[in-house]
Protein backbone atom coordinates (compact mmCIF):
# COMPACT_ATOMS: atom_id res chain seq x y z
CA MET A 1 0.08 -0.18 -0.25
CA ALA A 2 1.14 3.15 -1.01
CA GLY A 3 2.25 5.91 1.53
CA ASN A 4 0.42 9.32 1.89
CA PRO A 5 2.81 11.80 -0.30
CA PRO A 6 4.26 14.59 1.94
CA GLN A 7 2.58 17.50 3.24
CA PRO A 8 4.59 20.99 2.45
CA SER A 9 5.81 22.12 6.11
CA THR A 10 3.82 25.13 7.25
CA SER A 11 5.35 25.70 10.58
CA HIS A 12 8.19 27.76 8.69
CA PRO A 13 7.95 30.03 6.80
CA LEU A 14 9.28 30.52 3.50
CA ALA A 15 12.61 32.27 3.45
CA ASP A 16 12.98 35.80 2.03
CA PHE A 17 16.40 35.71 -0.21
CA LYS A 18 18.40 38.23 -1.91
CA VAL A 19 20.53 37.02 -4.62
CA GLY A 20 24.12 37.76 -5.15
CA VAL A 21 27.04 36.81 -7.37
CA ASP A 22 30.32 36.08 -6.56
CA ASN A 23 33.21 35.81 -8.48
CA ILE A 24 36.61 33.46 -8.09
CA ILE A 25 39.06 35.72 -10.53
CA PHE A 26 42.15 33.67 -11.11
CA SER A 27 45.28 34.82 -12.97
CA ILE A 28 47.99 32.97 -14.01
CA ASP A 29 51.25 34.41 -14.21
CA THR A 30 53.27 32.17 -15.48
CA ALA A 31 56.28 34.09 -15.47
CA ALA A 32 56.56 33.97 -11.63
CA HIS A 33 55.12 30.63 -11.56
CA ARG A 34 52.17 32.08 -9.38
CA LEU A 35 48.41 31.49 -9.10
CA LEU A 36 46.69 34.68 -7.95
CA VAL A 37 43.05 35.27 -7.00
CA LEU A 38 41.58 39.17 -6.81
CA LEU A 39 40.13 39.69 -3.72
CA VAL A 40 38.71 43.44 -2.72
CA MET A 41 38.82 45.07 1.13
CA ARG A 42 35.31 45.37 2.17
CA GLN A 43 34.31 49.37 3.27
CA GLN A 44 31.08 48.70 5.19
CA GLN A 45 29.55 46.13 7.24
CA PRO A 46 29.22 43.36 7.99
CA PHE A 47 32.80 42.42 7.74
CA CYS A 48 34.14 45.90 7.41
CA ASP A 49 37.93 45.93 6.30
CA ARG A 50 38.04 42.40 5.68
CA TRP A 51 39.14 41.25 2.81
CA SER A 52 36.56 39.47 -0.04
CA LEU A 53 36.01 37.65 -3.48
CA PRO A 54 34.45 40.97 -5.93
CA GLY A 55 30.93 39.77 -5.81
CA THR A 56 27.72 42.27 -6.04
CA LEU A 57 23.69 42.07 -5.95
CA VAL A 58 21.66 41.36 -8.65
CA ARG A 59 19.75 44.26 -10.40
CA GLN A 60 16.54 44.02 -11.35
CA GLY A 61 16.19 42.74 -14.69
CA GLU A 62 19.95 41.86 -14.75
CA SER A 63 20.86 38.13 -15.27
CA LEU A 64 23.11 36.48 -12.96
CA GLU A 65 25.87 36.19 -16.00
CA ASP A 66 25.75 39.61 -16.73
CA ALA A 67 26.16 40.29 -13.04
CA ALA A 68 29.23 38.06 -13.42
CA TYR A 69 30.69 40.33 -16.14
CA ARG A 70 29.88 43.18 -14.38
CA ILE A 71 31.80 42.35 -11.77
CA LEU A 72 34.60 41.97 -14.08
CA ASP A 73 34.42 45.17 -15.81
CA GLU A 74 34.80 46.81 -13.11
CA LYS A 75 37.38 45.68 -11.52
CA ILE A 76 39.91 44.31 -14.48
CA LYS A 77 40.46 45.11 -17.88
CA VAL A 78 41.25 41.65 -19.94
CA GLU A 79 40.37 40.61 -23.73
CA ASN A 80 40.89 37.00 -23.52
CA LEU A 81 39.33 35.17 -20.06
CA TYR A 82 37.49 32.41 -19.30
CA LEU A 83 33.68 32.39 -17.21
CA GLU A 84 31.97 29.72 -15.81
CA GLN A 85 29.51 29.44 -12.82
CA LEU A 86 30.40 27.34 -10.39
CA TYR A 87 27.95 26.43 -7.30
CA SER A 88 25.55 27.91 -5.49
CA PHE A 89 26.20 28.81 -1.78
CA GLY A 90 22.69 29.53 0.20
CA GLY A 91 23.19 27.60 3.57
CA PRO A 92 21.55 29.56 6.83
CA HIS A 93 23.65 31.62 8.76
CA ARG A 94 26.25 32.40 5.88
CA ASP A 95 25.61 35.87 6.47
CA PRO A 96 25.17 38.07 9.31
CA ARG A 97 22.54 39.91 7.79
CA GLU A 98 19.78 37.48 8.32
CA SER A 99 19.74 37.55 11.90
CA ALA A 100 16.22 38.93 13.34
CA GLY A 101 17.86 41.83 14.38
CA SER A 102 18.86 43.08 11.30
CA TYR A 103 17.38 42.71 7.80
CA ASN A 104 15.93 39.26 8.61
CA VAL A 105 17.18 38.30 4.75
CA ARG A 106 18.63 35.08 3.43
CA TYR A 107 21.52 35.76 1.19
CA LEU A 108 21.86 33.31 -2.09
CA SER A 109 25.30 33.39 -3.43
CA VAL A 110 26.08 32.39 -7.20
CA SER A 111 29.37 31.76 -7.61
CA TYR A 112 31.39 31.89 -10.81
CA PHE A 113 35.25 31.67 -11.38
CA ALA A 114 37.09 33.28 -13.89
CA LEU A 115 40.30 32.66 -15.39
CA VAL A 116 42.70 35.19 -17.16
CA ARG A 117 46.01 36.09 -17.86
CA PHE A 118 48.20 38.15 -15.32
CA GLU A 119 50.40 39.85 -17.75
CA GLU A 120 47.22 41.31 -19.62
CA ALA A 121 44.79 41.65 -17.11
CA GLN A 122 44.57 44.95 -15.73
CA LEU A 123 43.45 46.60 -12.45
CA ILE A 124 40.69 48.93 -12.60
CA PRO A 125 41.86 51.75 -10.37
CA ASN A 126 38.92 52.78 -7.34
CA GLN A 127 39.83 54.88 -4.44
CA SER A 128 36.88 53.44 -2.47
CA THR A 129 37.98 49.76 -2.25
CA GLY A 130 40.82 48.35 -2.16
CA VAL A 131 41.58 45.66 -4.89
CA ALA A 132 45.16 43.29 -4.94
CA TRP A 133 46.17 40.13 -5.93
CA TYR A 134 47.00 37.63 -3.82
CA PRO A 135 48.97 34.01 -4.31
CA ILE A 136 46.61 31.41 -3.43
CA GLU A 137 48.62 30.04 -0.61
CA GLU A 138 48.71 33.55 0.81
CA VAL A 139 45.00 34.30 1.10
CA PRO A 140 43.81 35.31 4.84
CA SER A 141 40.70 34.54 6.25
CA LEU A 142 37.78 36.42 4.22
CA ALA A 143 34.85 37.27 4.91
CA PHE A 144 31.50 35.51 5.08
CA ASP A 145 31.92 31.94 3.71
CA HIS A 146 34.39 33.14 0.93
CA ASN A 147 37.36 30.69 1.66
CA GLN A 148 34.82 28.06 1.20
CA ILE A 149 33.84 28.92 -2.10
CA LEU A 150 37.74 29.80 -2.77
CA GLU A 151 38.21 26.20 -1.80
CA TYR A 152 35.42 24.95 -4.18
CA GLY A 153 36.59 26.82 -7.10
CA TYR A 154 40.43 26.40 -6.85
CA ARG A 155 39.16 22.07 -7.08
CA ARG A 156 37.17 23.11 -10.09
CA LEU A 157 40.01 24.84 -11.68
CA ARG A 158 42.86 21.74 -11.23
CA ASN A 159 39.92 19.69 -12.19
CA LYS A 160 38.79 21.47 -15.56
CA LEU A 161 42.23 21.45 -16.74
CA GLU A 162 42.65 17.87 -17.09
CA TYR A 163 39.37 17.40 -19.05
CA SER A 164 38.52 20.76 -20.82
CA PRO A 165 40.39 23.63 -22.83
CA VAL A 166 39.93 25.84 -21.05
CA ALA A 167 43.71 27.00 -20.77
CA PHE A 168 43.11 27.83 -25.02
CA ASP A 169 40.66 30.68 -24.03
CA VAL A 170 43.38 32.63 -21.97
CA LEU A 171 46.40 31.97 -23.57
CA PRO A 172 46.86 34.00 -27.02
CA GLU A 173 46.02 32.72 -30.58
CA LEU A 174 49.95 31.42 -30.76
CA PHE A 175 51.76 29.79 -28.32
CA THR A 176 54.71 28.09 -27.80
CA LEU A 177 53.99 24.51 -25.89
CA GLY A 178 56.72 25.77 -23.06
CA GLU A 179 54.44 28.56 -22.62
CA LEU A 180 51.48 26.49 -22.06
CA TYR A 181 53.70 23.89 -19.97
CA GLN A 182 54.10 26.49 -17.40
CA PHE A 183 50.11 27.09 -17.22
CA TYR A 184 49.72 24.08 -16.37
CA LEU A 185 52.29 24.08 -13.92
CA THR A 186 51.93 27.20 -12.21
CA VAL A 187 48.01 26.15 -11.60
CA LEU A 188 48.63 22.30 -11.37
CA GLY A 189 52.24 22.35 -9.09
CA GLU A 190 55.71 21.23 -9.77
CA GLY A 191 54.75 17.57 -9.66
CA PHE A 192 52.23 16.91 -12.31
CA SER A 193 54.49 15.79 -14.88
CA ASP A 194 57.76 16.64 -16.63
CA TYR A 195 58.19 18.87 -19.84
CA SER A 196 58.99 15.68 -22.15
CA ASN A 197 56.12 13.92 -21.12
CA PHE A 198 53.66 16.53 -21.38
CA ARG A 199 54.72 18.18 -25.00
CA ALA A 200 54.54 14.08 -26.06
CA ARG A 201 51.36 13.46 -25.03
CA LEU A 202 49.90 16.35 -26.44
CA LEU A 203 51.82 16.34 -29.67
CA LYS A 204 49.69 12.17 -29.92
CA LEU A 205 46.50 13.47 -29.33
CA GLY A 206 46.29 16.01 -32.25
CA PHE A 207 44.99 19.03 -31.10
CA LEU A 208 47.08 21.34 -31.81
CA SER A 209 48.48 22.77 -34.43
CA ASP A 210 51.84 23.46 -36.01
CA THR A 211 52.33 26.90 -37.54
CA GLY A 212 55.49 26.54 -39.00
CA ILE A 213 56.28 29.64 -37.28
CA LYS A 214 59.60 30.06 -34.89
CA THR A 215 59.91 32.32 -32.07
CA SER A 216 62.40 33.60 -29.73
CA ARG A 217 60.97 34.37 -26.06
CA GLY A 218 63.58 35.37 -23.95
CA ALA A 219 66.86 32.92 -24.16
CA GLY A 220 66.94 29.56 -25.73
CA ARG A 221 66.97 28.58 -29.21
CA PRO A 222 63.42 29.56 -31.50
CA ALA A 223 60.60 27.92 -30.41
CA THR A 224 57.39 26.47 -32.92
CA LEU A 225 54.26 28.48 -32.63
CA TYR A 226 51.28 26.58 -31.90
CA ARG A 227 47.12 26.86 -32.38
CA PHE A 228 44.65 25.20 -30.73
CA ASP A 229 42.46 23.16 -33.23
CA ALA A 230 39.05 23.37 -31.50
CA GLU A 231 37.85 20.73 -34.26
CA ALA A 232 40.53 18.08 -33.72
CA PHE A 233 39.57 18.42 -29.92
CA SER A 234 35.65 17.43 -29.81
CA PRO A 235 36.66 13.87 -29.64
CA LEU A 236 38.08 14.44 -26.71
CA LYS A 237 35.77 16.29 -25.06
CA ASP A 238 34.89 15.76 -21.40
CA LYS A 239 37.81 13.18 -21.45
CA PRO A 240 40.32 13.12 -18.90
CA LEU A 241 43.96 13.93 -20.51
CA VAL A 242 46.75 13.11 -18.12
CA PHE A 243 49.49 14.11 -18.98
CA VAL A 244 52.21 11.36 -17.68
């Protein structure tokens, strides 16, 4: 005998939510082998004078993605970037303003992560808000649950590099294998692969096109420039790219 379907609870009122967007803006500084994240200094309560992720409340008639891009446009100027919705964080007590003695409103954060190259990302000066790049290993205690959001985004970024062409959304159209290797090495760390294995594996996968152009970037002999071939990558989409 089938049981009765559950009835909606009437013991608790429906929550009144405001929706915000928080951006984890990662920057790859391959020259210094650093993965950086953009932080802003809060100028108002709660958590005044604490570092946080760049965020905003969503405006009337504005999509979540438009709000995420608005945050980017307010903080940095950059040509090449990757942006993806990450996760929603809406647990009770994540924001002091939800208390009955304050605004008594729940705050839902829809997080996005963005990826840019440090060399081309220019911070937009703003006298009212401190903005700074922080190495991922030096991030302080952040406002709200932003350390948790950042940790989640960092895991997603590392996993993303294993099965998607996200790196090629950020790199120049033409790049050397050495530049690509430094990109992966900066995010994944020293133990992920040595250069010779990385190079052999990539060329075997067949989604890099040799342009036949040589370039001299820094010391050493001229290196070949390659271009990402999206069509050749299609059969490998969503499959792990293991560089061993």
